[in-house]
Amino acid sequence: ANPRRDTPDLILDAAEAVFADSGFDGATTRSIAEVAGVNPALIHYHFKSKEQLFEAVFARRSEEINARRRALLAAVMERGDEAGLEDIFVAFLRPTVELGRARSGQGRHYARIVVHVASGTDERSRRLTSARYDAIALDFIAAIEMRVPGIDRQSATRGYLNAVAIGLSLMAPTGRARALSQGACNDDVDILVHDAAAFIAAGIEALARRCAQKRSGNS
């Protein structure tokens, strides 16, 4: 195999680790090159700038996550009424939780980056979150509206964003649940995903009931 072909992936893997540890401002292209084992000039050759490298790191994982989410959501929606709200959120959560908790450890760096970007108020964070996640967000909000009769767009959107917050909190295996439960909680991905999906679905259904109560109160 031609080793030059693999250089961009080596750089992306190294950049993901360095950005996770040092943040965008603390990371340097020199430190990324050292971790990747490449000449710093190759970073400029392949990615032009630290800014473009960061965006490439974010794009690589988000595209992988969103491709899986779309496929899983499509399979859920094809089942029609047989599939419920919980199934929609299993489709939403599984790709990120599995990536963040993979035995290879490769997704853990991205888990730290995406939590920072998703909660960031700076222009870069807002732009990246919007560019990489708005389209899939609208797909899931539409799925909520289809599965929950009477819910309004405001409640569906807030329910989705609460699901995002839960999903981000589950990506990294911090061990906190095990510690707080004195060992009762384990890190089984299936249990994590299905428990969280049940919690989210119940919350959204509660929001839908509030919508119905408001409408009946105003009629």
Foldseek 3Di string as FASTA:
>chain_A
DDVVVCLLVLLLLLLLQQCLVQNLVGDDLVSSCVSSVHDSVVCCVVQVDSLSSVLVSLQVLLVVLLVQLVVQQVVQVVVPPVHAQLSNQLSNQLSLQCQLPPPVNSSVSVLSVLVPLCPDPDPSSVVSCCVRPVVSLVVSLVVLPVRADQADSVLSSVLSVVSVVLSSVNRHPPCPVCVVVVNPDDNDSVVSRSVSSVVSRVVSNVNSVVSVVVVVVVD
